[in-house]
């Protein structure tokens, strides 16, 4: 039996198990490329690459919900890609515009149709205006320092 398993090559095994081998690629939504790019550009920048024990998951989740996500979505400007297609059909991304994800969302035609029930455009604007971009960044950094200090105490 072990000889039979040893003779199966990787593509045969993947086919046998009905598994497709994929990598994160642009414009392929089933690859989860958006999450991977956010992990690289945002999450890893703030949280680092080191291992964090599962016991800290709840504290990290609270930090994300209360500080990091509002900062990233309401206050942190991001480069916005314009996709240009040349005569040969090759797509090229140009980053000429920089604005917050909220500003990009509000620029959509009828953005309210994408909101979850009970949330309004005015509520989002009020949340963004509640504090300046700089103050939001300061509060997020202080909360991150407090979070990491808690990791050191419990280690």
C-alpha atoms as a PDB file:
ATOM      1  CA  UNK A   1       0.000   0.000   0.000  1.00  0.00           C
ATOM      2  CA  UNK A   2       2.793   2.433   0.849  1.00  0.00           C
ATOM      3  CA  UNK A   3       4.419   1.793  -2.583  1.00  0.00           C
ATOM      4  CA  UNK A   4       1.213   2.856  -4.314  1.00  0.00           C
ATOM      5  CA  UNK A   5       1.068   6.139  -2.363  1.00  0.00           C
ATOM      6  CA  UNK A   6       4.730   6.859  -3.071  1.00  0.00           C
ATOM      7  CA  UNK A   7       4.213   6.563  -6.850  1.00  0.00           C
ATOM      8  CA  UNK A   8       1.452   9.212  -7.020  1.00  0.00           C
ATOM      9  CA  UNK A   9       2.874  12.543  -8.190  1.00  0.00           C
ATOM     10  CA  UNK A  10       1.670  15.861  -6.846  1.00  0.00           C
ATOM     11  CA  UNK A  11      -0.566  16.777  -9.830  1.00  0.00           C
ATOM     12  CA  UNK A  12      -2.110  13.300  -9.735  1.00  0.00           C
ATOM     13  CA  UNK A  13      -2.766  13.626  -6.016  1.00  0.00           C
ATOM     14  CA  UNK A  14      -4.315  17.072  -6.444  1.00  0.00           C
ATOM     15  CA  UNK A  15      -6.524  15.763  -9.245  1.00  0.00           C
ATOM     16  CA  UNK A  16      -7.457  12.712  -7.176  1.00  0.00           C
ATOM     17  CA  UNK A  17      -8.484  14.943  -4.285  1.00  0.00           C
ATOM     18  CA  UNK A  18     -10.169  17.443  -6.659  1.00  0.00           C
ATOM     19  CA  UNK A  19      -7.947  20.248  -5.447  1.00  0.00           C
ATOM     20  CA  UNK A  20      -6.862  23.123  -7.640  1.00  0.00           C
ATOM     21  CA  UNK A  21      -3.514  24.632  -6.857  1.00  0.00           C
ATOM     22  CA  UNK A  22      -3.865  28.406  -6.978  1.00  0.00           C
ATOM     23  CA  UNK A  23      -1.930  31.450  -5.961  1.00  0.00           C
ATOM     24  CA  UNK A  24      -3.217  34.924  -5.191  1.00  0.00           C
ATOM     25  CA  UNK A  25      -3.464  36.821  -8.437  1.00  0.00           C
ATOM     26  CA  UNK A  26      -4.987  40.151  -9.376  1.00  0.00           C
ATOM     27  CA  UNK A  27      -8.541  40.066 -10.774  1.00  0.00           C
ATOM     28  CA  UNK A  28      -9.093  36.451  -9.626  1.00  0.00           C
ATOM     29  CA  UNK A  29     -11.603  36.808  -6.814  1.00  0.00           C
ATOM     30  CA  UNK A  30     -11.564  33.156  -5.802  1.00  0.00           C
ATOM     31  CA  UNK A  31      -7.889  33.384  -4.866  1.00  0.00           C
ATOM     32  CA  UNK A  32      -8.541  35.653  -1.870  1.00  0.00           C
ATOM     33  CA  UNK A  33      -5.985  38.113  -3.238  1.00  0.00           C
ATOM     34  CA  UNK A  34      -7.675  41.091  -1.584  1.00  0.00           C
ATOM     35  CA  UNK A  35      -7.230  39.599   1.878  1.00  0.00           C
ATOM     36  CA  UNK A  36      -3.648  38.604   1.149  1.00  0.00           C
ATOM     37  CA  UNK A  37      -2.762  42.091  -0.089  1.00  0.00           C
ATOM     38  CA  UNK A  38      -4.365  43.648   3.000  1.00  0.00           C
ATOM     39  CA  UNK A  39      -2.395  41.272   5.210  1.00  0.00           C
ATOM     40  CA  UNK A  40       0.834  42.330   3.534  1.00  0.00           C
ATOM     41  CA  UNK A  41       0.196  46.030   3.304  1.00  0.00           C
ATOM     42  CA  UNK A  42      -1.744  46.796   6.467  1.00  0.00           C
ATOM     43  CA  UNK A  43      -1.944  43.996   9.010  1.00  0.00           C
ATOM     44  CA  UNK A  44       1.707  42.893   8.891  1.00  0.00           C
ATOM     45  CA  UNK A  45       2.875  46.507   9.022  1.00  0.00           C
ATOM     46  CA  UNK A  46       1.097  47.030  12.326  1.00  0.00           C
ATOM     47  CA  UNK A  47       1.155  43.560  13.865  1.00  0.00           C
ATOM     48  CA  UNK A  48       4.464  42.221  12.569  1.00  0.00           C
ATOM     49  CA  UNK A  49       5.307  38.739  11.341  1.00  0.00           C
ATOM     50  CA  UNK A  50       5.862  37.018  14.674  1.00  0.00           C
ATOM     51  CA  UNK A  51       3.688  34.344  16.198  1.00  0.00           C
ATOM     52  CA  UNK A  52       0.918  35.527  18.485  1.00  0.00           C
ATOM     53  CA  UNK A  53      -0.645  32.947  20.782  1.00  0.00           C
ATOM     54  CA  UNK A  54      -4.316  32.073  20.379  1.00  0.00           C
ATOM     55  CA  UNK A  55      -4.949  33.276  23.928  1.00  0.00           C
ATOM     56  CA  UNK A  56      -4.533  36.846  22.625  1.00  0.00           C
ATOM     57  CA  UNK A  57      -7.026  36.481  19.748  1.00  0.00           C
ATOM     58  CA  UNK A  58      -9.875  38.196  21.564  1.00  0.00           C
ATOM     59  CA  UNK A  59      -7.729  41.210  22.499  1.00  0.00           C
ATOM     60  CA  UNK A  60      -6.450  41.489  18.917  1.00  0.00           C
ATOM     61  CA  UNK A  61      -9.975  41.251  17.528  1.00  0.00           C
ATOM     62  CA  UNK A  62     -11.080  44.046  19.870  1.00  0.00           C
ATOM     63  CA  UNK A  63      -8.143  46.200  18.736  1.00  0.00           C
ATOM     64  CA  UNK A  64      -9.040  45.612  15.069  1.00  0.00           C
ATOM     65  CA  UNK A  65     -12.708  46.477  15.554  1.00  0.00           C
ATOM     66  CA  UNK A  66     -12.243  49.529  17.787  1.00  0.00           C
ATOM     67  CA  UNK A  67      -9.048  51.107  16.416  1.00  0.00           C
ATOM     68  CA  UNK A  68      -7.396  49.589  13.337  1.00  0.00           C
ATOM     69  CA  UNK A  69     -10.413  49.083  11.044  1.00  0.00           C
ATOM     70  CA  UNK A  70     -11.891  52.571  11.638  1.00  0.00           C
ATOM     71  CA  UNK A  71      -8.444  54.112  11.126  1.00  0.00           C
ATOM     72  CA  UNK A  72      -7.817  52.220   7.881  1.00  0.00           C
ATOM     73  CA  UNK A  73     -11.302  52.751   6.442  1.00  0.00           C
ATOM     74  CA  UNK A  74     -12.063  56.295   7.569  1.00  0.00           C
ATOM     75  CA  UNK A  75      -8.744  58.105   8.035  1.00  0.00           C
ATOM     76  CA  UNK A  76      -5.828  56.448   6.200  1.00  0.00           C
ATOM     77  CA  UNK A  77      -5.446  57.543   2.567  1.00  0.00           C
ATOM     78  CA  UNK A  78      -4.797  54.768   0.073  1.00  0.00           C
ATOM     79  CA  UNK A  79      -3.570  54.936  -3.501  1.00  0.00           C
ATOM     80  CA  UNK A  80      -6.454  54.347  -5.900  1.00  0.00           C
ATOM     81  CA  UNK A  81      -5.659  52.441  -9.072  1.00  0.00           C
ATOM     82  CA  UNK A  82      -6.824  53.500 -12.513  1.00  0.00           C
ATOM     83  CA  UNK A  83      -6.663  50.582 -14.918  1.00  0.00           C
ATOM     84  CA  UNK A  84      -5.503  51.436 -18.425  1.00  0.00           C
ATOM     85  CA  UNK A  85      -5.606  48.967 -21.308  1.00  0.00           C
ATOM     86  CA  UNK A  86      -3.048  49.493 -24.070  1.00  0.00           C
ATOM     87  CA  UNK A  87      -3.487  48.623 -27.748  1.00  0.00           C
ATOM     88  CA  UNK A  88      -2.173  45.086 -27.186  1.00  0.00           C
ATOM     89  CA  UNK A  89      -4.730  44.427 -24.437  1.00  0.00           C
ATOM     90  CA  UNK A  90      -2.267  44.578 -21.558  1.00  0.00           C
ATOM     91  CA  UNK A  91      -3.665  46.179 -18.422  1.00  0.00           C
ATOM     92  CA  UNK A  92      -1.555  48.635 -16.493  1.00  0.00           C
ATOM     93  CA  UNK A  93      -2.391  50.190 -13.148  1.00  0.00           C
ATOM     94  CA  UNK A  94      -1.666  53.875 -12.588  1.00  0.00           C
ATOM     95  CA  UNK A  95      -1.864  55.324  -9.090  1.00  0.00           C
ATOM     96  CA  UNK A  96      -2.584  59.018  -9.572  1.00  0.00           C
ATOM     97  CA  UNK A  97      -5.231  59.496  -6.881  1.00  0.00           C
ATOM     98  CA  UNK A  98      -5.003  59.007  -3.137  1.00  0.00           C
ATOM     99  CA  UNK A  99      -8.004  59.071  -0.800  1.00  0.00           C
ATOM    100  CA  UNK A 100      -9.576  57.183   2.078  1.00  0.00           C
ATOM    101  CA  UNK A 101     -11.669  54.070   1.417  1.00  0.00           C
ATOM    102  CA  UNK A 102     -14.676  56.017   2.739  1.00  0.00           C
ATOM    103  CA  UNK A 103     -14.158  58.757   0.133  1.00  0.00           C
ATOM    104  CA  UNK A 104     -13.887  56.097  -2.581  1.00  0.00           C
ATOM    105  CA  UNK A 105     -17.084  54.459  -1.315  1.00  0.00           C
ATOM    106  CA  UNK A 106     -18.973  57.760  -1.209  1.00  0.00           C
ATOM    107  CA  UNK A 107     -17.898  58.507  -4.791  1.00  0.00           C
ATOM    108  CA  UNK A 108     -19.870  55.472  -6.010  1.00  0.00           C
ATOM    109  CA  UNK A 109     -23.238  55.976  -7.625  1.00  0.00           C
ATOM    110  CA  UNK A 110     -25.881  55.369  -4.907  1.00  0.00           C
ATOM    111  CA  UNK A 111     -23.481  54.011  -2.244  1.00  0.00           C
ATOM    112  CA  UNK A 112     -26.314  53.536   0.270  1.00  0.00           C
ATOM    113  CA  UNK A 113     -27.420  50.381  -1.549  1.00  0.00           C
ATOM    114  CA  UNK A 114     -24.193  48.664  -0.403  1.00  0.00           C
ATOM    115  CA  UNK A 115     -24.662  49.470   3.306  1.00  0.00           C
ATOM    116  CA  UNK A 116     -25.916  46.884   5.757  1.00  0.00           C
ATOM    117  CA  UNK A 117     -29.393  47.503   7.215  1.00  0.00           C
ATOM    118  CA  UNK A 118     -29.451  50.092   9.980  1.00  0.00           C
ATOM    119  CA  UNK A 119     -26.362  51.966   8.754  1.00  0.00           C
ATOM    120  CA  UNK A 120     -26.558  55.256   6.870  1.00  0.00           C
ATOM    121  CA  UNK A 121     -24.213  57.471   4.890  1.00  0.00           C
ATOM    122  CA  UNK A 122     -24.664  60.211   7.505  1.00  0.00           C
ATOM    123  CA  UNK A 123     -23.560  57.840  10.283  1.00  0.00           C
ATOM    124  CA  UNK A 124     -20.384  57.024   8.364  1.00  0.00           C
ATOM    125  CA  UNK A 125     -19.659  60.700   7.776  1.00  0.00           C
ATOM    126  CA  UNK A 126     -20.249  61.515  11.457  1.00  0.00           C
ATOM    127  CA  UNK A 127     -17.931  58.701  12.527  1.00  0.00           C
ATOM    128  CA  UNK A 128     -15.207  59.986  10.196  1.00  0.00           C
ATOM    129  CA  UNK A 129     -15.661  63.590  11.399  1.00  0.00           C
ATOM    130  CA  UNK A 130     -15.613  62.580  15.077  1.00  0.00           C
ATOM    131  CA  UNK A 131     -11.823  62.872  15.116  1.00  0.00           C
ATOM    132  CA  UNK A 132      -9.092  64.096  12.808  1.00  0.00           C
ATOM    133  CA  UNK A 133      -6.935  61.719  10.782  1.00  0.00           C
ATOM    134  CA  UNK A 134      -3.956  62.508  12.984  1.00  0.00           C
ATOM    135  CA  UNK A 135      -5.876  61.948  16.209  1.00  0.00           C
ATOM    136  CA  UNK A 136      -7.210  58.615  14.920  1.00  0.00           C
ATOM    137  CA  UNK A 137      -3.651  57.522  14.091  1.00  0.00           C
ATOM    138  CA  UNK A 138      -2.420  58.555  17.548  1.00  0.00           C
ATOM    139  CA  UNK A 139      -5.195  56.677  19.324  1.00  0.00           C
ATOM    140  CA  UNK A 140      -4.592  53.587  17.201  1.00  0.00           C
ATOM    141  CA  UNK A 141      -0.843  53.662  17.959  1.00  0.00           C
ATOM    142  CA  UNK A 142      -1.454  54.085  21.709  1.00  0.00           C
ATOM    143  CA  UNK A 143      -3.939  51.195  21.696  1.00  0.00           C
ATOM    144  CA  UNK A 144      -1.423  49.061  19.791  1.00  0.00           C
ATOM    145  CA  UNK A 145       1.309  49.813  22.344  1.00  0.00           C
ATOM    146  CA  UNK A 146      -1.067  48.897  25.168  1.00  0.00           C
ATOM    147  CA  UNK A 147      -2.057  45.681  23.352  1.00  0.00           C
ATOM    148  CA  UNK A 148       1.564  44.611  22.813  1.00  0.00           C
ATOM    149  CA  UNK A 149       2.443  45.463  26.420  1.00  0.00           C
ATOM    150  CA  UNK A 150      -0.286  43.043  27.472  1.00  0.00           C
ATOM    151  CA  UNK A 151       1.366  40.343  25.351  1.00  0.00           C
ATOM    152  CA  UNK A 152       4.699  40.845  27.134  1.00  0.00           C
ATOM    153  CA  UNK A 153       3.109  40.687  30.601  1.00  0.00           C
ATOM    154  CA  UNK A 154       1.311  37.426  29.921  1.00  0.00           C
ATOM    155  CA  UNK A 155       4.233  35.723  28.151  1.00  0.00           C
END
